Amino acid sequence: EKKKTYFTPRIVISLPRENEYLIKQYSLLRKWQSKYQELKYTIVGIDFCGYEEPFPPIGKKEFFRTVKKDNKNAKHYPLTILYHVGESFEKITLASSIRWIWQTHEFGADRLGHTISLGINTQGLINTEYRESIRERRDHLQWLINQENRLKKNGFEVKKTSCLKELNELKTKSDNELLEGLYTREMCDELHCLQEAIMKELSTKGAVIEVCPSSNMMIAKLELRKSLTINRFIKASMNIIVSSDDPGIFATNLSNELKLCKQSGLSEFEIAKIC
């Protein structure tokens, strides 16, 4: 007689990044959990995916607080927050994208999806274009100043005088005006140091990073070895999981994703540790 096998479903619901729709759908989700007993333990998290760049994580700070507060009132069926971040940085600089990753975890996200900007080789950006709004640049400079001591603790030296000078120069510019230029070698060296500092911070705090090899290659238009940021994440002792992201779109599965990890240079032992 064959042994019976049991499958316990667990679902993460994707919510929109637009706050107007987000609040309404989140409210409905909590009502469903209250009304239907089976949903309390079947729905285990909420996820933010889709187009990232128009929605900086600062806009989710209060919402994350609400979720954490609600979780305290629903201790037996809390909702984990999954957030795709650092996967697209065409309209913001790599520096701001790295900051978004740090902020997303700081504000309360439990699992960070992709985080490509945190692990890619910055030297590959030399002489490529960057652009972002003046508002975003101001936010980044102010963040550097505010987090000076914390960043220094993790090995990154903030050039506070230069930051203050640039902030003063940007006073006369409008928020939506674009700041454009080319990445220099000096900028890319500094970005590498910022990556290392944030990786150290996230590793210390136990952040969970979701690496999606196929998805990362397609979204960021990177070659295999450049896109598999997992190599650097392992070196930084970060908590990593490998994901297929969306098998229906990327025509893949977890086995194929692990093969890509091996092709990128990971050993069988390293892959076994991830699994």
Protein backbone atom coordinates (compact mmCIF):
# COMPACT_ATOMS: atom_id res chain seq x y z
CA GLU A 1 0.00 0.00 0.00
CA LYS A 2 1.36 3.39 -0.99
CA LYS A 3 1.97 5.88 1.75
CA LYS A 4 -0.24 8.91 1.69
CA THR A 5 1.49 12.20 1.10
CA TYR A 6 0.21 15.48 2.40
CA PHE A 7 0.66 18.96 1.04
CA THR A 8 0.19 21.97 3.27
CA PRO A 9 -0.43 25.08 1.13
CA ARG A 10 1.22 28.34 2.09
CA ILE A 11 0.49 31.48 0.07
CA VAL A 12 2.13 34.88 -0.18
CA ILE A 13 -0.18 37.52 -1.64
CA SER A 14 1.27 40.19 -3.95
CA LEU A 15 0.06 43.69 -3.16
CA PRO A 16 0.39 46.83 -5.32
CA ARG A 17 3.12 49.36 -4.61
CA GLU A 18 0.67 52.25 -5.06
CA ASN A 19 -0.37 53.20 -1.52
CA GLU A 20 -3.91 54.12 -2.56
CA TYR A 21 -4.67 50.55 -3.66
CA LEU A 22 -2.30 48.92 -1.18
CA ILE A 23 -4.19 50.03 1.92
CA LYS A 24 -7.53 48.86 0.55
CA GLN A 25 -6.25 45.43 -0.46
CA TYR A 26 -4.32 44.93 2.76
CA SER A 27 -7.44 45.78 4.77
CA LEU A 28 -9.42 43.19 2.80
CA LEU A 29 -6.70 40.60 3.37
CA ARG A 30 -6.81 41.06 7.14
CA LYS A 31 -10.62 40.83 7.06
CA TRP A 32 -10.43 37.55 5.14
CA GLN A 33 -8.03 36.15 7.72
CA SER A 34 -10.38 37.17 10.53
CA LYS A 35 -13.46 35.74 8.84
CA TYR A 36 -12.10 32.48 7.40
CA GLN A 37 -10.18 30.27 9.79
CA GLU A 38 -8.31 28.37 7.07
CA LEU A 39 -6.85 31.60 5.63
CA LYS A 40 -5.22 32.53 8.92
CA TYR A 41 -2.57 29.88 8.42
CA THR A 42 -2.60 29.53 4.64
CA ILE A 43 -1.73 33.16 3.83
CA VAL A 44 1.67 33.67 5.45
CA GLY A 45 2.99 36.82 3.83
CA ILE A 46 2.64 39.80 1.53
CA ASP A 47 4.89 40.56 -1.41
CA PHE A 48 5.83 43.70 -3.33
CA CYS A 49 7.06 43.08 -6.87
CA GLY A 50 6.63 44.64 -10.30
CA TYR A 51 8.11 47.95 -11.41
CA GLU A 52 10.22 49.27 -8.56
CA GLU A 53 11.72 52.64 -9.43
CA PRO A 54 8.71 54.97 -9.09
CA PHE A 55 8.20 53.73 -5.53
CA PRO A 56 11.09 54.44 -3.11
CA PRO A 57 10.86 52.38 0.10
CA ILE A 58 10.46 55.50 2.23
CA GLY A 59 6.85 55.51 0.98
CA LYS A 60 6.25 52.15 2.68
CA LYS A 61 7.76 53.01 6.06
CA GLU A 62 4.43 53.73 7.78
CA PHE A 63 2.73 50.78 6.11
CA PHE A 64 5.43 48.40 7.36
CA ARG A 65 4.86 49.74 10.87
CA THR A 66 1.14 49.02 10.50
CA VAL A 67 1.83 45.43 9.42
CA LYS A 68 4.21 44.83 12.33
CA LYS A 69 1.67 46.30 14.76
CA ASP A 70 -1.11 44.13 13.33
CA ASN A 71 1.16 41.08 13.61
CA LYS A 72 1.40 41.61 17.36
CA ASN A 73 -2.38 41.37 17.53
CA ALA A 74 -2.31 38.21 15.41
CA LYS A 75 0.63 36.36 16.94
CA HIS A 76 -0.45 32.96 15.62
CA TYR A 77 -0.80 34.07 12.02
CA PRO A 78 1.57 37.01 11.33
CA LEU A 79 2.31 38.19 7.81
CA THR A 80 5.92 38.20 6.60
CA ILE A 81 6.90 41.11 4.32
CA LEU A 82 8.71 40.22 1.07
CA TYR A 83 9.99 43.13 -0.98
CA HIS A 84 11.69 43.19 -4.40
CA VAL A 85 14.36 45.90 -4.30
CA GLY A 86 17.61 46.76 -6.03
CA GLU A 87 16.63 44.93 -9.19
CA SER A 88 16.21 47.96 -11.44
CA PHE A 89 18.28 51.13 -11.42
CA GLU A 90 17.87 52.83 -14.77
CA LYS A 91 16.27 55.98 -13.35
CA ILE A 92 18.22 56.13 -10.11
CA THR A 93 21.94 55.76 -9.48
CA LEU A 94 23.47 52.56 -8.20
CA ALA A 95 24.22 54.42 -4.95
CA SER A 96 20.54 55.22 -4.38
CA SER A 97 19.54 51.68 -5.29
CA ILE A 98 21.94 50.31 -2.64
CA ARG A 99 20.45 52.76 -0.14
CA TRP A 100 16.94 51.57 -1.01
CA ILE A 101 17.98 48.02 -0.10
CA TRP A 102 19.28 49.15 3.29
CA GLN A 103 16.17 51.25 3.94
CA THR A 104 13.77 48.47 2.92
CA HIS A 105 15.24 46.17 5.55
CA GLU A 106 15.53 48.97 8.10
CA PHE A 107 11.85 49.84 7.71
CA GLY A 108 10.77 46.27 8.36
CA ALA A 109 10.89 44.01 5.28
CA ASP A 110 11.69 40.43 6.28
CA ARG A 111 12.96 39.19 2.93
CA LEU A 112 14.69 41.18 0.20
CA GLY A 113 14.21 40.05 -3.40
CA HIS A 114 16.94 40.32 -6.05
CA THR A 115 19.16 43.08 -4.54
CA ILE A 116 21.19 43.05 -7.78
CA SER A 117 22.67 46.50 -7.15
CA LEU A 118 24.18 45.30 -3.88
CA GLY A 119 26.27 42.54 -5.43
CA ILE A 120 27.19 43.42 -9.01
CA ASN A 121 30.75 44.30 -10.01
CA THR A 122 30.81 48.09 -9.96
CA GLN A 123 33.84 48.23 -12.26
CA GLY A 124 31.57 47.13 -15.09
CA LEU A 125 29.79 50.49 -14.80
CA ILE A 126 32.81 52.67 -15.57
CA ASN A 127 31.99 55.15 -18.37
CA THR A 128 28.32 54.11 -18.45
CA GLU A 129 25.54 56.65 -17.94
CA TYR A 130 23.65 57.33 -14.74
CA ARG A 131 20.67 59.55 -14.05
CA GLU A 132 18.31 60.36 -11.20
CA SER A 133 16.17 63.21 -9.96
CA ILE A 134 17.58 66.01 -7.84
CA ARG A 135 15.16 64.97 -5.11
CA GLU A 136 16.63 61.45 -5.02
CA ARG A 137 20.17 62.80 -4.94
CA ARG A 138 19.31 65.09 -2.04
CA ASP A 139 17.75 62.17 -0.19
CA HIS A 140 20.89 60.10 -0.72
CA LEU A 141 23.26 62.83 0.47
CA GLN A 142 21.15 63.42 3.58
CA TRP A 143 21.07 59.68 4.25
CA LEU A 144 24.87 59.49 4.06
CA ILE A 145 25.15 62.32 6.58
CA ASN A 146 22.54 60.84 8.93
CA GLN A 147 24.11 57.38 8.84
CA GLU A 148 27.74 58.55 8.97
CA ASN A 149 28.64 56.75 12.21
CA ARG A 150 26.84 53.56 11.31
CA LEU A 151 28.44 53.39 7.88
CA LYS A 152 31.87 54.11 9.34
CA LYS A 153 31.39 51.21 11.75
CA ASN A 154 30.94 48.97 8.71
CA GLY A 155 34.00 50.32 6.91
CA PHE A 156 32.59 53.13 4.74
CA GLU A 157 33.87 56.67 5.22
CA VAL A 158 31.29 59.36 4.47
CA LYS A 159 32.76 62.52 2.95
CA LYS A 160 30.55 64.75 5.03
CA THR A 161 32.05 68.07 3.90
CA SER A 162 31.55 67.14 0.23
CA CYS A 163 27.98 66.00 0.94
CA LEU A 164 27.10 69.26 2.66
CA LYS A 165 28.67 71.27 -0.14
CA GLU A 166 26.71 69.39 -2.81
CA LEU A 167 23.47 69.71 -0.85
CA ASN A 168 23.99 73.46 -0.74
CA GLU A 169 24.63 73.55 -4.50
CA LEU A 170 21.41 71.63 -5.16
CA LYS A 171 19.25 74.07 -3.19
CA THR A 172 18.35 76.13 -6.24
CA LYS A 173 17.40 73.13 -8.40
CA SER A 174 13.88 71.71 -8.67
CA ASP A 175 13.10 68.24 -7.30
CA ASN A 176 12.22 66.75 -10.68
CA GLU A 177 15.25 68.09 -12.53
CA LEU A 178 17.53 65.29 -13.70
CA LEU A 179 21.11 64.79 -12.59
CA GLU A 180 23.05 62.97 -15.33
CA GLY A 181 26.61 61.89 -15.97
CA LEU A 182 29.05 59.02 -16.44
CA TYR A 183 30.31 56.69 -13.73
CA THR A 184 34.01 57.29 -13.13
CA ARG A 185 36.51 54.79 -11.73
CA GLU A 186 36.62 56.75 -8.47
CA MET A 187 32.82 56.63 -8.17
CA CYS A 188 32.77 52.89 -8.85
CA ASP A 189 35.48 52.24 -6.24
CA GLU A 190 33.40 54.16 -3.71
CA LEU A 191 30.27 52.25 -4.71
CA HIS A 192 32.10 48.97 -4.12
CA CYS A 193 32.98 50.12 -0.60
CA LEU A 194 29.35 51.13 0.01
CA GLN A 195 28.19 47.69 -1.15
CA GLU A 196 30.60 46.01 1.27
CA ALA A 197 29.41 48.17 4.17
CA ILE A 198 25.72 47.48 3.51
CA MET A 199 26.35 43.75 3.06
CA LYS A 200 28.13 43.71 6.40
CA GLU A 201 25.24 45.56 8.03
CA LEU A 202 22.60 43.26 6.55
CA SER A 203 24.58 40.17 7.44
CA THR A 204 24.88 41.32 11.05
CA LYS A 205 21.14 42.03 11.19
CA GLY A 206 20.25 38.62 9.73
CA ALA A 207 18.52 39.95 6.62
CA VAL A 208 17.31 37.29 4.18
CA ILE A 209 18.30 37.80 0.52
CA GLU A 210 16.37 36.12 -2.29
CA VAL A 211 18.61 35.50 -5.32
CA CYS A 212 16.91 34.84 -8.68
CA PRO A 213 19.62 33.96 -11.27
CA SER A 214 17.56 33.81 -14.48
CA SER A 215 15.41 36.76 -13.53
CA ASN A 216 18.42 38.83 -12.52
CA MET A 217 20.16 38.21 -15.84
CA MET A 218 17.12 39.29 -17.84
CA ILE A 219 16.04 42.25 -15.72
CA ALA A 220 19.47 43.79 -15.29
CA LYS A 221 20.72 42.66 -18.72
CA LEU A 222 23.82 41.13 -17.19
CA GLU A 223 26.04 38.20 -18.10
CA LEU A 224 25.87 35.09 -15.93
CA ARG A 225 28.91 35.72 -13.74
CA LYS A 226 28.03 39.40 -13.31
CA SER A 227 24.41 38.74 -12.44
CA LEU A 228 24.99 35.98 -9.91
CA THR A 229 25.58 38.29 -7.01
CA ILE A 230 25.20 35.23 -4.79
CA ASN A 231 28.98 34.71 -4.98
CA ARG A 232 29.63 37.96 -3.15
CA PHE A 233 26.75 37.41 -0.76
CA ILE A 234 28.17 34.06 0.31
CA LYS A 235 31.57 35.65 0.86
CA ALA A 236 29.86 38.28 3.05
CA SER A 237 28.18 35.52 5.13
CA MET A 238 24.68 36.70 4.24
CA ASN A 239 21.49 34.65 4.67
CA ILE A 240 20.60 33.55 1.13
CA ILE A 241 17.86 31.61 -0.58
CA VAL A 242 17.70 30.81 -4.30
CA SER A 243 14.40 31.44 -6.06
CA SER A 244 12.98 30.91 -9.55
CA ASP A 245 11.13 34.25 -9.16
CA ASP A 246 8.29 33.70 -11.66
CA PRO A 247 8.64 30.32 -13.48
CA GLY A 248 5.80 31.20 -15.85
CA ILE A 249 7.60 34.27 -17.17
CA PHE A 250 11.22 33.13 -17.00
CA ALA A 251 10.60 29.52 -18.12
CA THR A 252 12.68 28.03 -15.35
CA ASN A 253 12.51 26.05 -12.12
CA LEU A 254 14.56 25.75 -8.96
CA SER A 255 16.74 22.96 -10.37
CA ASN A 256 17.75 25.13 -13.33
CA GLU A 257 18.47 28.07 -11.02
CA LEU A 258 20.80 25.92 -8.92
CA LYS A 259 22.56 24.77 -12.11
CA LEU A 260 23.18 28.43 -12.95
CA CYS A 261 24.67 28.90 -9.50
CA LYS A 262 27.06 26.03 -10.20
CA GLN A 263 27.97 27.48 -13.61
CA SER A 264 28.81 30.77 -11.93
CA GLY A 265 31.51 29.07 -9.90
CA LEU A 266 29.78 27.90 -6.73
CA SER A 267 30.92 24.54 -5.39
CA GLU A 268 28.59 21.62 -4.61
CA PHE A 269 29.27 22.28 -0.93
CA GLU A 270 28.25 25.95 -1.21
CA ILE A 271 25.07 25.05 -3.11
CA ALA A 272 24.21 22.37 -0.53
CA LYS A 273 24.52 24.96 2.25
CA ILE A 274 22.06 27.25 0.45
CA CYS A 275 19.58 24.40 0.01
